[in-house]
Amino acid sequence: MGVGEKALKELGVNIPLIGLAKRLEKIVFLDKNDYKEVILSKDNEGLKLLQRLRNEAHRFAQKYHHYLRLKLLSPN
């Protein structure tokens, strides 16, 4: 179980989750206790939306990580 699954479970939220593997841009999801993979064409609008969401989540996480590092290193 991943961090996202744990967080949603703690909140009592039960929604399907997917992952987007970066190298081949495979969509991965759990279907009846079995992981399934889907590869969409590079020009698929749904895939483009998922890529933008993933990239924004990464930017947000990196920005927050940098903030924490600067806070840790500051002499205050």
N, C-alpha and C. Protein backbone atom coordinates (compact mmCIF):
# COMPACT_ATOMS: atom_id res chain seq x y z
N MET A 1 0.85 -1.18 0.00
CA MET A 1 0.00 0.00 0.00
C MET A 1 0.90 1.24 0.00
N GLY A 2 0.62 2.16 -0.92
CA GLY A 2 1.41 3.37 -1.03
C GLY A 2 0.96 4.44 -0.06
N VAL A 3 1.72 5.52 -0.01
CA VAL A 3 1.43 6.63 0.89
C VAL A 3 0.07 7.25 0.58
N GLY A 4 -0.22 7.41 -0.70
CA GLY A 4 -1.51 7.99 -1.09
C GLY A 4 -2.67 7.12 -0.63
N GLU A 5 -2.52 5.81 -0.81
CA GLU A 5 -3.57 4.89 -0.37
C GLU A 5 -3.77 4.97 1.14
N LYS A 6 -2.67 5.01 1.89
CA LYS A 6 -2.75 5.09 3.35
C LYS A 6 -3.45 6.37 3.79
N ALA A 7 -3.08 7.48 3.16
CA ALA A 7 -3.68 8.76 3.54
C ALA A 7 -5.18 8.76 3.27
N LEU A 8 -5.58 8.26 2.12
CA LEU A 8 -7.00 8.22 1.79
C LEU A 8 -7.75 7.28 2.73
N LYS A 9 -7.14 6.15 3.07
CA LYS A 9 -7.77 5.20 3.97
C LYS A 9 -7.98 5.83 5.35
N GLU A 10 -6.96 6.56 5.84
CA GLU A 10 -7.09 7.23 7.13
C GLU A 10 -8.21 8.27 7.13
N LEU A 11 -8.44 8.89 5.98
CA LEU A 11 -9.50 9.89 5.85
C LEU A 11 -10.86 9.24 5.58
N GLY A 12 -10.87 7.94 5.34
CA GLY A 12 -12.12 7.25 5.04
C GLY A 12 -12.60 7.48 3.63
N VAL A 13 -11.69 7.84 2.74
CA VAL A 13 -12.04 8.09 1.34
C VAL A 13 -11.74 6.84 0.52
N ASN A 14 -12.73 6.39 -0.22
CA ASN A 14 -12.57 5.18 -1.02
C ASN A 14 -12.78 5.52 -2.49
N ILE A 15 -11.69 5.89 -3.17
CA ILE A 15 -11.76 6.20 -4.60
C ILE A 15 -10.67 5.40 -5.32
N PRO A 16 -10.88 5.11 -6.58
CA PRO A 16 -9.84 4.40 -7.33
C PRO A 16 -8.60 5.27 -7.51
N LEU A 17 -7.43 4.66 -7.42
CA LEU A 17 -6.18 5.37 -7.63
C LEU A 17 -5.48 4.81 -8.86
N ILE A 18 -4.73 5.68 -9.54
CA ILE A 18 -3.93 5.23 -10.67
C ILE A 18 -2.52 5.77 -10.49
N GLY A 19 -1.59 5.17 -11.19
CA GLY A 19 -0.23 5.66 -11.23
C GLY A 19 0.16 5.89 -12.67
N LEU A 20 1.11 6.77 -12.89
CA LEU A 20 1.60 7.05 -14.24
C LEU A 20 3.10 6.81 -14.23
N ALA A 21 3.51 5.68 -14.80
CA ALA A 21 4.93 5.35 -14.88
C ALA A 21 5.59 6.29 -15.86
N LYS A 22 6.65 6.95 -15.43
CA LYS A 22 7.22 8.05 -16.20
C LYS A 22 7.88 7.63 -17.51
N ARG A 23 8.67 6.57 -17.49
CA ARG A 23 9.48 6.24 -18.67
C ARG A 23 8.63 5.92 -19.91
N LEU A 24 7.70 5.02 -19.78
CA LEU A 24 6.86 4.66 -20.91
C LEU A 24 5.48 5.29 -20.85
N GLU A 25 5.24 6.11 -19.81
CA GLU A 25 3.96 6.77 -19.61
C GLU A 25 2.82 5.75 -19.54
N LYS A 26 3.06 4.65 -18.84
CA LYS A 26 2.04 3.63 -18.64
C LYS A 26 1.12 4.04 -17.51
N ILE A 27 -0.16 3.84 -17.69
CA ILE A 27 -1.12 4.06 -16.62
C ILE A 27 -1.29 2.72 -15.91
N VAL A 28 -1.12 2.74 -14.58
CA VAL A 28 -1.20 1.52 -13.78
C VAL A 28 -2.32 1.69 -12.76
N PHE A 29 -3.15 0.65 -12.63
CA PHE A 29 -4.24 0.71 -11.65
C PHE A 29 -4.52 -0.69 -11.13
N LEU A 30 -5.17 -0.74 -9.98
CA LEU A 30 -5.52 -2.00 -9.35
C LEU A 30 -6.94 -2.38 -9.73
N ASP A 31 -7.09 -3.60 -10.24
CA ASP A 31 -8.40 -4.10 -10.64
C ASP A 31 -8.60 -5.48 -10.02
N LYS A 32 -9.45 -5.56 -9.01
CA LYS A 32 -9.74 -6.83 -8.32
C LYS A 32 -8.45 -7.52 -7.86
N ASN A 33 -7.65 -6.80 -7.10
CA ASN A 33 -6.39 -7.31 -6.53
C ASN A 33 -5.34 -7.68 -7.57
N ASP A 34 -5.45 -7.16 -8.78
CA ASP A 34 -4.47 -7.41 -9.83
C ASP A 34 -4.13 -6.08 -10.50
N TYR A 35 -2.84 -5.79 -10.65
CA TYR A 35 -2.44 -4.55 -11.30
C TYR A 35 -2.58 -4.68 -12.81
N LYS A 36 -3.18 -3.67 -13.42
CA LYS A 36 -3.36 -3.62 -14.88
C LYS A 36 -2.58 -2.43 -15.40
N GLU A 37 -2.14 -2.52 -16.65
CA GLU A 37 -1.42 -1.42 -17.29
C GLU A 37 -2.10 -1.05 -18.59
N VAL A 38 -2.12 0.25 -18.88
CA VAL A 38 -2.68 0.76 -20.12
C VAL A 38 -1.68 1.74 -20.71
N ILE A 39 -1.43 1.61 -21.99
CA ILE A 39 -0.56 2.56 -22.68
C ILE A 39 -1.41 3.30 -23.70
N LEU A 40 -1.52 4.60 -23.51
CA LEU A 40 -2.28 5.44 -24.44
C LEU A 40 -1.32 6.06 -25.45
N SER A 41 -1.83 6.47 -26.59
CA SER A 41 -0.98 7.12 -27.59
C SER A 41 -0.49 8.45 -27.03
N LYS A 42 0.66 8.87 -27.49
CA LYS A 42 1.30 10.10 -26.98
C LYS A 42 0.45 11.34 -27.22
N ASP A 43 -0.45 11.31 -28.20
CA ASP A 43 -1.28 12.48 -28.48
C ASP A 43 -2.66 12.39 -27.83
N ASN A 44 -2.89 11.41 -26.97
CA ASN A 44 -4.16 11.26 -26.27
C ASN A 44 -4.33 12.39 -25.25
N GLU A 45 -5.46 13.09 -25.30
CA GLU A 45 -5.68 14.24 -24.41
C GLU A 45 -5.76 13.82 -22.94
N GLY A 46 -6.31 12.65 -22.67
CA GLY A 46 -6.35 12.15 -21.30
C GLY A 46 -4.96 11.93 -20.74
N LEU A 47 -4.07 11.36 -21.55
CA LEU A 47 -2.68 11.15 -21.14
C LEU A 47 -2.00 12.50 -20.89
N LYS A 48 -2.23 13.45 -21.77
CA LYS A 48 -1.63 14.78 -21.59
C LYS A 48 -2.08 15.43 -20.28
N LEU A 49 -3.35 15.27 -19.94
CA LEU A 49 -3.85 15.81 -18.67
C LEU A 49 -3.16 15.14 -17.49
N LEU A 50 -3.06 13.81 -17.52
CA LEU A 50 -2.38 13.09 -16.43
C LEU A 50 -0.91 13.51 -16.31
N GLN A 51 -0.25 13.74 -17.43
CA GLN A 51 1.15 14.19 -17.41
C GLN A 51 1.27 15.57 -16.76
N ARG A 52 0.35 16.46 -17.11
CA ARG A 52 0.39 17.81 -16.51
C ARG A 52 0.13 17.74 -15.02
N LEU A 53 -0.82 16.90 -14.60
CA LEU A 53 -1.10 16.73 -13.17
C LEU A 53 0.12 16.18 -12.43
N ARG A 54 0.74 15.16 -13.00
CA ARG A 54 1.92 14.57 -12.39
C ARG A 54 3.06 15.59 -12.29
N ASN A 55 3.30 16.31 -13.37
CA ASN A 55 4.38 17.29 -13.38
C ASN A 55 4.15 18.39 -12.36
N GLU A 56 2.91 18.84 -12.23
CA GLU A 56 2.59 19.88 -11.24
C GLU A 56 2.77 19.34 -9.82
N ALA A 57 2.36 18.12 -9.57
CA ALA A 57 2.55 17.51 -8.24
C ALA A 57 4.04 17.43 -7.92
N HIS A 58 4.86 17.07 -8.90
CA HIS A 58 6.31 17.01 -8.68
C HIS A 58 6.88 18.39 -8.39
N ARG A 59 6.44 19.39 -9.14
CA ARG A 59 6.92 20.76 -8.90
C ARG A 59 6.56 21.22 -7.49
N PHE A 60 5.33 20.95 -7.09
CA PHE A 60 4.87 21.32 -5.76
C PHE A 60 5.71 20.65 -4.68
N ALA A 61 5.95 19.34 -4.83
CA ALA A 61 6.74 18.59 -3.84
C ALA A 61 8.17 19.10 -3.79
N GLN A 62 8.77 19.39 -4.94
CA GLN A 62 10.14 19.89 -4.96
C GLN A 62 10.23 21.26 -4.30
N LYS A 63 9.27 22.12 -4.59
CA LYS A 63 9.27 23.45 -3.99
C LYS A 63 9.17 23.35 -2.47
N TYR A 64 8.30 22.48 -1.98
CA TYR A 64 8.13 22.30 -0.54
C TYR A 64 9.40 21.71 0.07
N HIS A 65 10.02 20.76 -0.60
CA HIS A 65 11.27 20.16 -0.11
C HIS A 65 12.37 21.23 -0.01
N HIS A 66 12.47 22.07 -1.03
CA HIS A 66 13.47 23.15 -0.99
C HIS A 66 13.19 24.11 0.15
N TYR A 67 11.92 24.42 0.36
CA TYR A 67 11.54 25.29 1.48
C TYR A 67 11.99 24.68 2.81
N LEU A 68 11.74 23.40 3.00
CA LEU A 68 12.15 22.74 4.24
C LEU A 68 13.66 22.75 4.41
N ARG A 69 14.39 22.52 3.33
CA ARG A 69 15.86 22.52 3.41
C ARG A 69 16.38 23.91 3.77
N LEU A 70 15.82 24.95 3.14
CA LEU A 70 16.25 26.30 3.46
C LEU A 70 15.93 26.65 4.91
N LYS A 71 14.77 26.24 5.37
CA LYS A 71 14.37 26.49 6.76
C LYS A 71 15.33 25.79 7.73
N LEU A 72 15.72 24.57 7.40
CA LEU A 72 16.64 23.79 8.24
C LEU A 72 18.03 24.43 8.27
N LEU A 73 18.45 24.99 7.13
CA LEU A 73 19.79 25.55 7.03
C LEU A 73 19.89 27.02 7.47
N SER A 74 18.76 27.68 7.62
CA SER A 74 18.80 29.09 8.00
C SER A 74 19.23 29.25 9.46
N PRO A 75 19.98 30.31 9.77
CA PRO A 75 20.55 30.48 11.12
C PRO A 75 19.56 31.04 12.14
N ASN A 76 18.29 31.07 11.88
CA ASN A 76 17.30 31.64 12.83
C ASN A 76 17.16 30.81 14.04
